[in-house]
Each structure stands twice: as C-alpha cells, then as structure tokens.
PDB file of all heavy atoms in Angstrom:
ATOM      1  N   PHE A   1       0.862  -1.176   0.000  1.00  0.00           N
ATOM      2  CA  PHE A   1       0.000   0.000   0.000  1.00  0.00           C
ATOM      3  C   PHE A   1       0.895   1.220   0.000  1.00  0.00           C
ATOM      4  O   PHE A   1       2.133   1.105   0.037  1.00  0.00           O
ATOM      5  CB  PHE A   1      -0.905  -0.021   1.241  1.00  0.00           C
ATOM      6  CG  PHE A   1      -0.201  -0.587   2.453  1.00  0.00           C
ATOM      7  CD1 PHE A   1       0.509   0.224   3.314  1.00  0.00           C
ATOM      8  CD2 PHE A   1      -0.203  -1.957   2.683  1.00  0.00           C
ATOM      9  CE1 PHE A   1       1.191  -0.296   4.404  1.00  0.00           C
ATOM     10  CE2 PHE A   1       0.487  -2.491   3.781  1.00  0.00           C
ATOM     11  CZ  PHE A   1       1.179  -1.654   4.644  1.00  0.00           C
ATOM     12  N   SER A   2       0.312   2.398  -0.037  1.00  0.00           N
ATOM     13  CA  SER A   2       1.108   3.628  -0.091  1.00  0.00           C
ATOM     14  C   SER A   2       0.513   4.661   0.834  1.00  0.00           C
ATOM     15  O   SER A   2      -0.579   4.480   1.376  1.00  0.00           O
ATOM     16  CB  SER A   2       1.173   4.159  -1.531  1.00  0.00           C
ATOM     17  OG  SER A   2      -0.125   4.445  -2.006  1.00  0.00           O
ATOM     18  N   GLY A   3       1.238   5.769   1.001  1.00  0.00           N
ATOM     19  CA  GLY A   3       0.775   6.829   1.884  1.00  0.00           C
ATOM     20  C   GLY A   3       1.798   7.089   2.973  1.00  0.00           C
ATOM     21  O   GLY A   3       2.962   6.708   2.868  1.00  0.00           O
ATOM     22  N   THR A   4       1.360   7.720   4.045  1.00  0.00           N
ATOM     23  CA  THR A   4       2.223   7.995   5.187  1.00  0.00           C
ATOM     24  C   THR A   4       1.482   7.685   6.477  1.00  0.00           C
ATOM     25  O   THR A   4       0.254   7.621   6.513  1.00  0.00           O
ATOM     26  CB  THR A   4       2.675   9.477   5.220  1.00  0.00           C
ATOM     27  OG1 THR A   4       1.503  10.311   5.276  1.00  0.00           O
ATOM     28  CG2 THR A   4       3.511   9.819   3.991  1.00  0.00           C
ATOM     29  N   ALA A   5       2.264   7.468   7.514  1.00  0.00           N
ATOM     30  CA  ALA A   5       1.706   7.244   8.850  1.00  0.00           C
ATOM     31  C   ALA A   5       2.582   7.994   9.839  1.00  0.00           C
ATOM     32  O   ALA A   5       3.720   8.369   9.539  1.00  0.00           O
ATOM     33  CB  ALA A   5       1.659   5.759   9.176  1.00  0.00           C
ATOM     34  N   HIS A   6       2.067   8.190  11.032  1.00  0.00           N
ATOM     35  CA  HIS A   6       2.822   8.898  12.070  1.00  0.00           C
ATOM     36  C   HIS A   6       3.381   7.890  13.051  1.00  0.00           C
ATOM     37  O   HIS A   6       2.640   7.084  13.627  1.00  0.00           O
ATOM     38  CB  HIS A   6       1.935   9.903  12.800  1.00  0.00           C
ATOM     39  CG  HIS A   6       2.711  10.779  13.747  1.00  0.00           C
ATOM     40  ND1 HIS A   6       3.467  11.855  13.338  1.00  0.00           N
ATOM     41  CD2 HIS A   6       2.861  10.708  15.096  1.00  0.00           C
ATOM     42  CE1 HIS A   6       4.038  12.427  14.379  1.00  0.00           C
ATOM     43  NE2 HIS A   6       3.684  11.756  15.465  1.00  0.00           N
ATOM     44  N   GLY A   7       4.698   7.888  13.236  1.00  0.00           N
ATOM     45  CA  GLY A   7       5.356   7.011  14.190  1.00  0.00           C
ATOM     46  C   GLY A   7       6.090   7.790  15.252  1.00  0.00           C
ATOM     47  O   GLY A   7       5.974   9.023  15.344  1.00  0.00           O
ATOM     48  N   ALA A   8       6.869   7.072  16.049  1.00  0.00           N
ATOM     49  CA  ALA A   8       7.592   7.712  17.148  1.00  0.00           C
ATOM     50  C   ALA A   8       8.612   8.720  16.644  1.00  0.00           C
ATOM     51  O   ALA A   8       8.978   9.656  17.359  1.00  0.00           O
ATOM     52  CB  ALA A   8       8.281   6.645  18.001  1.00  0.00           C
ATOM     53  N   HIS A   9       9.095   8.553  15.400  1.00  0.00           N
ATOM     54  CA  HIS A   9      10.097   9.462  14.844  1.00  0.00           C
ATOM     55  C   HIS A   9       9.496  10.473  13.865  1.00  0.00           C
ATOM     56  O   HIS A   9      10.224  11.130  13.137  1.00  0.00           O
ATOM     57  CB  HIS A   9      11.192   8.660  14.141  1.00  0.00           C
ATOM     58  CG  HIS A   9      11.907   7.704  15.052  1.00  0.00           C
ATOM     59  ND1 HIS A   9      12.844   8.118  15.966  1.00  0.00           N
ATOM     60  CD2 HIS A   9      11.795   6.353  15.203  1.00  0.00           C
ATOM     61  CE1 HIS A   9      13.298   7.059  16.641  1.00  0.00           C
ATOM     62  NE2 HIS A   9      12.678   5.988  16.197  1.00  0.00           N
ATOM     63  N   GLY A  10       8.157  10.557  13.834  1.00  0.00           N
ATOM     64  CA  GLY A  10       7.506  11.475  12.917  1.00  0.00           C
ATOM     65  C   GLY A  10       6.832  10.744  11.773  1.00  0.00           C
ATOM     66  O   GLY A  10       6.555   9.540  11.857  1.00  0.00           O
ATOM     67  N   ALA A  11       6.573  11.461  10.680  1.00  0.00           N
ATOM     68  CA  ALA A  11       5.899  10.861   9.531  1.00  0.00           C
ATOM     69  C   ALA A  11       6.824   9.870   8.843  1.00  0.00           C
ATOM     70  O   ALA A  11       8.016  10.126   8.661  1.00  0.00           O
ATOM     71  CB  ALA A  11       5.467  11.945   8.551  1.00  0.00           C
ATOM     72  N   ILE A  12       6.283   8.710   8.481  1.00  0.00           N
ATOM     73  CA  ILE A  12       7.056   7.683   7.772  1.00  0.00           C
ATOM     74  C   ILE A  12       6.246   7.215   6.568  1.00  0.00           C
ATOM     75  O   ILE A  12       5.010   7.281   6.562  1.00  0.00           O
ATOM     76  CB  ILE A  12       7.368   6.478   8.681  1.00  0.00           C
ATOM     77  CG1 ILE A  12       6.071   5.854   9.212  1.00  0.00           C
ATOM     78  CG2 ILE A  12       8.279   6.876   9.815  1.00  0.00           C
ATOM     79  CD1 ILE A  12       6.285   4.555   9.972  1.00  0.00           C
ATOM     80  N   PRO A  13       6.930   6.757   5.513  1.00  0.00           N
ATOM     81  CA  PRO A  13       6.202   6.254   4.343  1.00  0.00           C
ATOM     82  C   PRO A  13       5.615   4.882   4.619  1.00  0.00           C
ATOM     83  O   PRO A  13       6.120   4.118   5.445  1.00  0.00           O
ATOM     84  CB  PRO A  13       7.294   6.179   3.269  1.00  0.00           C
ATOM     85  CG  PRO A  13       8.545   5.932   4.043  1.00  0.00           C
ATOM     86  CD  PRO A  13       8.389   6.704   5.338  1.00  0.00           C
ATOM     87  N   LEU A  14       4.537   4.585   3.916  1.00  0.00           N
ATOM     88  CA  LEU A  14       3.942   3.256   3.972  1.00  0.00           C
ATOM     89  C   LEU A  14       4.253   2.505   2.687  1.00  0.00           C
ATOM     90  O   LEU A  14       4.248   3.111   1.610  1.00  0.00           O
ATOM     91  CB  LEU A  14       2.427   3.358   4.168  1.00  0.00           C
ATOM     92  CG  LEU A  14       1.954   3.930   5.509  1.00  0.00           C
ATOM     93  CD1 LEU A  14       0.436   4.026   5.531  1.00  0.00           C
ATOM     94  CD2 LEU A  14       2.449   3.090   6.676  1.00  0.00           C
ATOM     95  N   PRO A  15       4.495   1.200   2.784  1.00  0.00           N
ATOM     96  CA  PRO A  15       4.628   0.413   4.007  1.00  0.00           C
ATOM     97  C   PRO A  15       5.754   0.942   4.900  1.00  0.00           C
ATOM     98  O   PRO A  15       6.709   1.525   4.405  1.00  0.00           O
ATOM     99  CB  PRO A  15       4.958  -0.993   3.503  1.00  0.00           C
ATOM    100  CG  PRO A  15       4.538  -1.016   2.081  1.00  0.00           C
ATOM    101  CD  PRO A  15       4.725   0.374   1.587  1.00  0.00           C
ATOM    102  N   ALA A  16       5.612   0.714   6.194  1.00  0.00           N
ATOM    103  CA  ALA A  16       6.659   1.150   7.112  1.00  0.00           C
ATOM    104  C   ALA A  16       7.984   0.519   6.702  1.00  0.00           C
ATOM    105  O   ALA A  16       8.020  -0.630   6.255  1.00  0.00           O
ATOM    106  CB  ALA A  16       6.297   0.738   8.539  1.00  0.00           C
ATOM    107  N   PRO A  17       9.091   1.260   6.828  1.00  0.00           N
ATOM    108  CA  PRO A  17      10.387   0.697   6.432  1.00  0.00           C
ATOM    109  C   PRO A  17      10.683  -0.654   7.067  1.00  0.00           C
ATOM    110  O   PRO A  17      11.239  -1.540   6.411  1.00  0.00           O
ATOM    111  CB  PRO A  17      11.374   1.773   6.878  1.00  0.00           C
ATOM    112  CG  PRO A  17      10.600   3.052   6.791  1.00  0.00           C
ATOM    113  CD  PRO A  17       9.203   2.686   7.217  1.00  0.00           C
ATOM    114  N   ALA A  18      10.319  -0.821   8.337  1.00  0.00           N
ATOM    115  CA  ALA A  18      10.567  -2.114   8.988  1.00  0.00           C
ATOM    116  C   ALA A  18       9.750  -3.222   8.342  1.00  0.00           C
ATOM    117  O   ALA A  18      10.216  -4.363   8.213  1.00  0.00           O
ATOM    118  CB  ALA A  18      10.257  -2.022  10.482  1.00  0.00           C
ATOM    119  N   THR A  19       8.526  -2.906   7.929  1.00  0.00           N
ATOM    120  CA  THR A  19       7.686  -3.906   7.265  1.00  0.00           C
ATOM    121  C   THR A  19       8.340  -4.389   5.980  1.00  0.00           C
ATOM    122  O   THR A  19       8.385  -5.591   5.690  1.00  0.00           O
ATOM    123  CB  THR A  19       6.297  -3.319   6.967  1.00  0.00           C
ATOM    124  OG1 THR A  19       5.673  -2.920   8.192  1.00  0.00           O
ATOM    125  CG2 THR A  19       5.407  -4.343   6.277  1.00  0.00           C
ATOM    126  N   LEU A  20       8.852  -3.460   5.181  1.00  0.00           N
ATOM    127  CA  LEU A  20       9.510  -3.845   3.933  1.00  0.00           C
ATOM    128  C   LEU A  20      10.747  -4.692   4.193  1.00  0.00           C
ATOM    129  O   LEU A  20      11.023  -5.654   3.472  1.00  0.00           O
ATOM    130  CB  LEU A  20       9.881  -2.603   3.129  1.00  0.00           C
ATOM    131  CG  LEU A  20       8.765  -1.954   2.309  1.00  0.00           C
ATOM    132  CD1 LEU A  20       9.316  -0.754   1.547  1.00  0.00           C
ATOM    133  CD2 LEU A  20       8.145  -2.950   1.343  1.00  0.00           C
ATOM    134  N   GLU A  21      11.524  -4.339   5.220  1.00  0.00           N
ATOM    135  CA  GLU A  21      12.704  -5.122   5.552  1.00  0.00           C
ATOM    136  C   GLU A  21      12.326  -6.561   5.900  1.00  0.00           C
ATOM    137  O   GLU A  21      12.964  -7.526   5.470  1.00  0.00           O
ATOM    138  CB  GLU A  21      13.466  -4.498   6.721  1.00  0.00           C
ATOM    139  CG  GLU A  21      14.320  -3.315   6.368  1.00  0.00           C
ATOM    140  CD  GLU A  21      15.506  -3.687   5.485  1.00  0.00           C
ATOM    141  OE1 GLU A  21      16.037  -4.802   5.649  1.00  0.00           O
ATOM    142  OE2 GLU A  21      15.885  -2.872   4.638  1.00  0.00           O
ATOM    143  N   ILE A  22      11.289  -6.704   6.690  1.00  0.00           N
ATOM    144  CA  ILE A  22      10.846  -8.033   7.108  1.00  0.00           C
ATOM    145  C   ILE A  22      10.391  -8.857   5.912  1.00  0.00           C
ATOM    146  O   ILE A  22      10.624 -10.072   5.845  1.00  0.00           O
ATOM    147  CB  ILE A  22       9.708  -7.910   8.142  1.00  0.00           C
ATOM    148  CG1 ILE A  22      10.247  -7.328   9.452  1.00  0.00           C
ATOM    149  CG2 ILE A  22       9.051  -9.267   8.402  1.00  0.00           C
ATOM    150  CD1 ILE A  22       9.170  -6.875  10.407  1.00  0.00           C
ATOM    151  N   LEU A  23       9.767  -8.205   4.926  1.00  0.00           N
ATOM    152  CA  LEU A  23       9.192  -8.926   3.793  1.00  0.00           C
ATOM    153  C   LEU A  23      10.167  -9.139   2.640  1.00  0.00           C
ATOM    154  O   LEU A  23       9.760  -9.632   1.581  1.00  0.00           O
ATOM    155  CB  LEU A  23       7.951  -8.179   3.286  1.00  0.00           C
ATOM    156  CG  LEU A  23       6.766  -8.142   4.252  1.00  0.00           C
ATOM    157  CD1 LEU A  23       5.611  -7.353   3.664  1.00  0.00           C
ATOM    158  CD2 LEU A  23       6.316  -9.568   4.597  1.00  0.00           C
ATOM    159  N   LYS A  24      11.440  -8.785   2.819  1.00  0.00           N
ATOM    160  CA  LYS A  24      12.409  -9.055   1.760  1.00  0.00           C
ATOM    161  C   LYS A  24      12.440 -10.549   1.458  1.00  0.00           C
ATOM    162  O   LYS A  24      12.544 -11.369   2.361  1.00  0.00           O
ATOM    163  CB  LYS A  24      13.801  -8.563   2.167  1.00  0.00           C
ATOM    164  CG  LYS A  24      13.971  -7.060   2.071  1.00  0.00           C
ATOM    165  CD  LYS A  24      15.433  -6.636   2.070  1.00  0.00           C
ATOM    166  CE  LYS A  24      16.180  -7.073   3.280  1.00  0.00           C
ATOM    167  NZ  LYS A  24      17.536  -6.464   3.393  1.00  0.00           N
TER     168      LYS A  24
END
C-alpha cells in the first residue's frame, strides 16, 4: 500500500520501512 503514517520518529512512508525489511 502507499501513503504515510505517524510514528515515534515522525511521519514515515507506507509500508513502514521495517515492514519492507521483514518482507524481503
């Protein structure tokens, strides 16, 4: 999916970077 979300470090792109890393 696409867009942005708000995390502990501010706005982040979706999918969350950690999500993409996990799904490699």
